[in-house]
């Protein structure tokens, strides 16, 4: 990694590699405490076809654009392997230090599922960090989760809910028409076993077997 310095905001592009999502409270704190680009922590970017893609700090980039800031401090990660590991393992420059191992913010496992389904390096690193069982849960979610359910789960995460890989799999394995309701349930203080119970009740009700 190397410090690139201040870079025009318009030259920065958000990347779907950033697995960190700010909760509503985090976002309000960010807007309140970071009053200008000179006070901002550096965003981390990688070069992609001559463009700087932000892999950590996408939310800050969004706030910067909303406020009309002209530039942001940028650190560049040159190595692709390091870039993937940075996204999934350590984000030491973020206020919350969010990572898969230290979620001091919210890690969006919906985003992680999409990333590891598309990138073999990400899958390998994620397997080292989380274990193969959780990676398999995420791959099921990447394959079966409907866009509507994914959107609801993202919203629940922003509200502060802990959406685990196991919960993602349980939602994704439900018939598509039941996934939105299960996604809402996953955002509550619902443990995985109860979420599976709710899923089976919904399926039985749809078949006319019993009332949910």
Protein backbone atom coordinates (compact mmCIF):
# COMPACT_ATOMS: atom_id res chain seq x y z
CA UNK A 1 0.00 0.00 0.00
CA UNK A 2 1.11 3.54 -0.60
CA UNK A 3 -0.32 6.96 0.11
CA UNK A 4 -1.42 8.64 -3.09
CA UNK A 5 -2.45 11.91 -1.45
CA UNK A 6 -5.51 14.04 -2.18
CA UNK A 7 -7.44 12.86 -5.26
CA UNK A 8 -10.43 14.54 -6.98
CA UNK A 9 -13.70 12.95 -5.87
CA UNK A 10 -14.86 12.73 -9.47
CA UNK A 11 -11.87 10.49 -10.25
CA UNK A 12 -12.99 7.90 -7.68
CA UNK A 13 -15.41 5.11 -8.50
CA UNK A 14 -17.19 2.98 -5.85
CA UNK A 15 -16.43 -0.73 -6.00
CA UNK A 16 -18.67 -3.63 -5.06
CA UNK A 17 -15.62 -5.10 -3.32
CA UNK A 18 -16.30 -2.96 -0.26
CA UNK A 19 -18.15 -5.35 2.04
CA UNK A 20 -18.66 -2.78 4.78
CA UNK A 21 -22.04 -1.14 5.28
CA UNK A 22 -22.64 1.72 7.67
CA UNK A 23 -25.62 1.52 9.96
CA UNK A 24 -27.92 4.53 10.10
CA UNK A 25 -26.26 5.58 13.36
CA UNK A 26 -22.76 5.15 11.87
CA UNK A 27 -23.70 7.31 8.90
CA UNK A 28 -25.05 10.10 11.08
CA UNK A 29 -21.89 10.00 13.18
CA UNK A 30 -19.75 10.14 10.05
CA UNK A 31 -21.61 13.17 8.75
CA UNK A 32 -21.38 14.85 12.15
CA UNK A 33 -17.72 14.19 12.92
CA UNK A 34 -16.06 14.41 9.51
CA UNK A 35 -16.58 18.07 8.64
CA UNK A 36 -14.36 18.27 5.58
CA UNK A 37 -11.91 16.31 3.42
CA UNK A 38 -8.96 17.56 5.46
CA UNK A 39 -10.40 15.72 8.48
CA UNK A 40 -11.39 12.54 6.64
CA UNK A 41 -9.63 9.22 7.04
CA UNK A 42 -8.14 7.95 3.75
CA UNK A 43 -10.24 5.81 1.47
CA UNK A 44 -8.48 2.75 0.05
CA UNK A 45 -8.56 2.14 -3.69
CA UNK A 46 -7.16 -0.14 -6.37
CA UNK A 47 -6.41 0.59 -10.01
CA UNK A 48 -8.84 -1.04 -12.48
CA UNK A 49 -8.31 -0.23 -16.17
CA UNK A 50 -6.85 3.15 -15.32
CA UNK A 51 -9.62 4.04 -12.84
CA UNK A 52 -9.34 4.24 -9.06
CA UNK A 53 -11.98 1.97 -7.52
CA UNK A 54 -12.65 2.55 -3.83
CA UNK A 55 -12.57 -0.80 -2.01
CA UNK A 56 -12.82 0.64 1.50
CA UNK A 57 -14.56 3.93 2.16
CA UNK A 58 -17.42 3.78 -0.35
CA UNK A 59 -19.78 5.27 2.23
CA UNK A 60 -17.39 8.16 2.86
CA UNK A 61 -17.15 8.71 -0.90
CA UNK A 62 -20.94 8.92 -1.06
CA UNK A 63 -21.04 11.47 1.76
CA UNK A 64 -18.28 13.47 0.06
CA UNK A 65 -20.30 13.65 -3.15
CA UNK A 66 -23.44 14.67 -1.27
CA UNK A 67 -21.55 17.51 0.43
CA UNK A 68 -19.83 18.67 -2.71
CA UNK A 69 -16.29 17.96 -1.53
CA UNK A 70 -13.73 18.28 -4.29
CA UNK A 71 -11.17 15.71 -3.10
CA UNK A 72 -10.38 12.95 -0.61
CA UNK A 73 -7.15 11.40 0.73
CA UNK A 74 -6.46 8.07 -0.98
CA UNK A 75 -4.28 5.06 -0.25
CA UNK A 76 -3.65 2.69 -3.16
CA UNK A 77 -3.36 -1.08 -2.86
CA UNK A 78 -1.25 -2.27 -5.77
CA UNK A 79 -1.48 -6.05 -5.31
CA UNK A 80 -4.79 -7.73 -6.24
CA UNK A 81 -4.44 -10.43 -3.60
CA UNK A 82 -3.80 -7.81 -0.96
CA UNK A 83 -6.81 -5.85 -2.17
CA UNK A 84 -9.14 -8.82 -1.74
CA UNK A 85 -7.72 -9.64 1.68
CA UNK A 86 -8.04 -6.00 2.72
CA UNK A 87 -11.74 -5.99 1.86
CA UNK A 88 -12.50 -9.25 3.65
CA UNK A 89 -10.04 -9.36 6.52
CA UNK A 90 -8.85 -5.99 7.75
CA UNK A 91 -10.00 -2.42 7.38
CA UNK A 92 -7.71 -0.76 9.95
CA UNK A 93 -8.23 2.73 8.54
CA UNK A 94 -12.00 2.72 9.05
CA UNK A 95 -13.41 4.36 12.19
CA UNK A 96 -15.01 1.10 13.32
CA UNK A 97 -12.26 -1.15 12.00
CA UNK A 98 -14.93 -3.37 10.49
CA UNK A 99 -13.83 -6.73 9.17
CA UNK A 100 -15.11 -10.28 9.01
CA UNK A 101 -13.21 -11.04 12.20
CA UNK A 102 -13.87 -7.72 13.94
CA UNK A 103 -17.25 -6.38 12.78
CA UNK A 104 -17.00 -2.95 14.38
CA UNK A 105 -19.62 -1.68 11.98
CA UNK A 106 -21.65 -3.95 9.76
CA UNK A 107 -20.19 -6.43 7.31
CA UNK A 108 -22.72 -7.07 4.56
CA UNK A 109 -22.66 -10.80 3.99
CA UNK A 110 -24.95 -10.21 1.02
CA UNK A 111 -22.05 -8.34 -0.59
CA UNK A 112 -19.54 -10.94 0.55
CA UNK A 113 -21.66 -13.72 -0.99
CA UNK A 114 -21.69 -11.92 -4.32
CA UNK A 115 -17.95 -11.27 -4.17
CA UNK A 116 -16.86 -14.83 -3.38
CA UNK A 117 -19.18 -16.21 -6.08
CA UNK A 118 -17.40 -14.02 -8.64
CA UNK A 119 -13.79 -14.18 -7.45
CA UNK A 120 -11.93 -17.39 -6.60
CA UNK A 121 -9.31 -15.49 -4.58
CA UNK A 122 -12.04 -13.99 -2.44
CA UNK A 123 -13.55 -17.43 -1.87
CA UNK A 124 -10.20 -18.88 -0.82
CA UNK A 125 -9.44 -16.03 1.59
CA UNK A 126 -12.96 -16.06 3.00
CA UNK A 127 -12.67 -19.81 3.60
CA UNK A 128 -9.47 -19.22 5.59
CA UNK A 129 -11.18 -16.59 7.71
CA UNK A 130 -14.65 -18.04 8.24
CA UNK A 131 -14.35 -21.74 7.50
CA UNK A 132 -15.72 -23.74 4.60
CA UNK A 133 -19.17 -24.24 6.13
CA UNK A 134 -19.94 -20.52 6.24
CA UNK A 135 -18.52 -20.10 2.73
CA UNK A 136 -20.92 -22.78 1.48
CA UNK A 137 -23.79 -20.91 3.17
CA UNK A 138 -22.74 -17.75 1.33
CA UNK A 139 -22.46 -19.51 -2.03
CA UNK A 140 -25.99 -20.89 -1.65
CA UNK A 141 -27.17 -17.35 -0.92
CA UNK A 142 -25.35 -15.96 -3.95
CA UNK A 143 -27.05 -18.52 -6.18
CA UNK A 144 -30.62 -18.53 -4.82
CA UNK A 145 -31.29 -15.23 -3.06
CA UNK A 146 -33.80 -13.07 -4.93
CA UNK A 147 -33.01 -9.38 -5.56
CA UNK A 148 -35.94 -8.31 -3.38
CA UNK A 149 -34.82 -10.44 -0.44
CA UNK A 150 -31.23 -9.22 -0.85
CA UNK A 151 -32.45 -5.62 -0.78
CA UNK A 152 -34.44 -6.22 2.42
CA UNK A 153 -31.49 -7.93 4.08
CA UNK A 154 -29.26 -4.97 3.17
CA UNK A 155 -31.80 -2.59 4.71
CA UNK A 156 -31.99 -4.70 7.86
CA UNK A 157 -28.20 -4.60 8.09
CA UNK A 158 -28.18 -0.82 7.82
CA UNK A 159 -30.68 -0.75 10.67
CA UNK A 160 -28.16 -2.65 12.78
CA UNK A 161 -29.36 -6.24 12.44
CA UNK A 162 -26.78 -9.02 12.44
CA UNK A 163 -27.37 -10.99 9.23
CA UNK A 164 -25.15 -14.07 9.44
CA UNK A 165 -24.15 -16.44 6.60
CA UNK A 166 -26.43 -19.12 8.11
CA UNK A 167 -29.41 -16.78 8.09
CA UNK A 168 -28.68 -15.88 4.46
CA UNK A 169 -28.71 -19.56 3.50
CA UNK A 170 -31.99 -20.22 5.31
CA UNK A 171 -33.66 -17.31 3.51
CA UNK A 172 -32.16 -18.27 0.15
CA UNK A 173 -33.32 -21.90 0.38
CA UNK A 174 -36.95 -20.80 0.75
CA UNK A 175 -39.17 -20.57 -2.34
CA UNK A 176 -38.72 -17.13 -3.97
CA UNK A 177 -42.20 -15.94 -2.98
CA UNK A 178 -41.42 -16.50 0.73
CA UNK A 179 -37.95 -14.98 0.77
CA UNK A 180 -39.00 -11.33 1.42
CA UNK A 181 -40.99 -12.28 4.54
CA UNK A 182 -38.14 -14.43 5.81
CA UNK A 183 -35.66 -11.63 5.12
CA UNK A 184 -37.67 -9.36 7.39
CA UNK A 185 -37.74 -12.06 10.05
CA UNK A 186 -33.97 -12.52 9.74
CA UNK A 187 -33.51 -8.88 10.66
CA UNK A 188 -35.11 -9.41 14.06
CA UNK A 189 -33.61 -11.15 17.06
CA UNK A 190 -34.33 -14.47 15.43
CA UNK A 191 -31.94 -17.38 15.87
CA UNK A 192 -31.33 -19.64 12.85
CA UNK A 193 -33.34 -22.57 14.21
CA UNK A 194 -36.43 -20.40 14.68
CA UNK A 195 -35.93 -18.88 11.24
CA UNK A 196 -35.99 -22.40 9.78
CA UNK A 197 -39.20 -23.06 11.71
CA UNK A 198 -40.78 -19.91 10.23
CA UNK A 199 -39.70 -21.00 6.76
CA UNK A 200 -41.37 -24.39 7.10
CA UNK A 201 -44.56 -22.79 8.44
CA UNK A 202 -44.73 -20.46 5.43
CA UNK A 203 -44.24 -23.35 3.02
CA UNK A 204 -46.93 -25.45 4.72
CA UNK A 205 -49.35 -22.53 4.70
CA UNK A 206 -48.77 -22.01 0.97
CA UNK A 207 -49.55 -25.69 0.37
CA UNK A 208 -52.71 -25.39 2.47
CA UNK A 209 -51.41 -27.74 5.10
CA UNK A 210 -51.89 -25.46 8.12
CA UNK A 211 -52.11 -21.86 9.19
CA UNK A 212 -48.83 -19.95 9.81
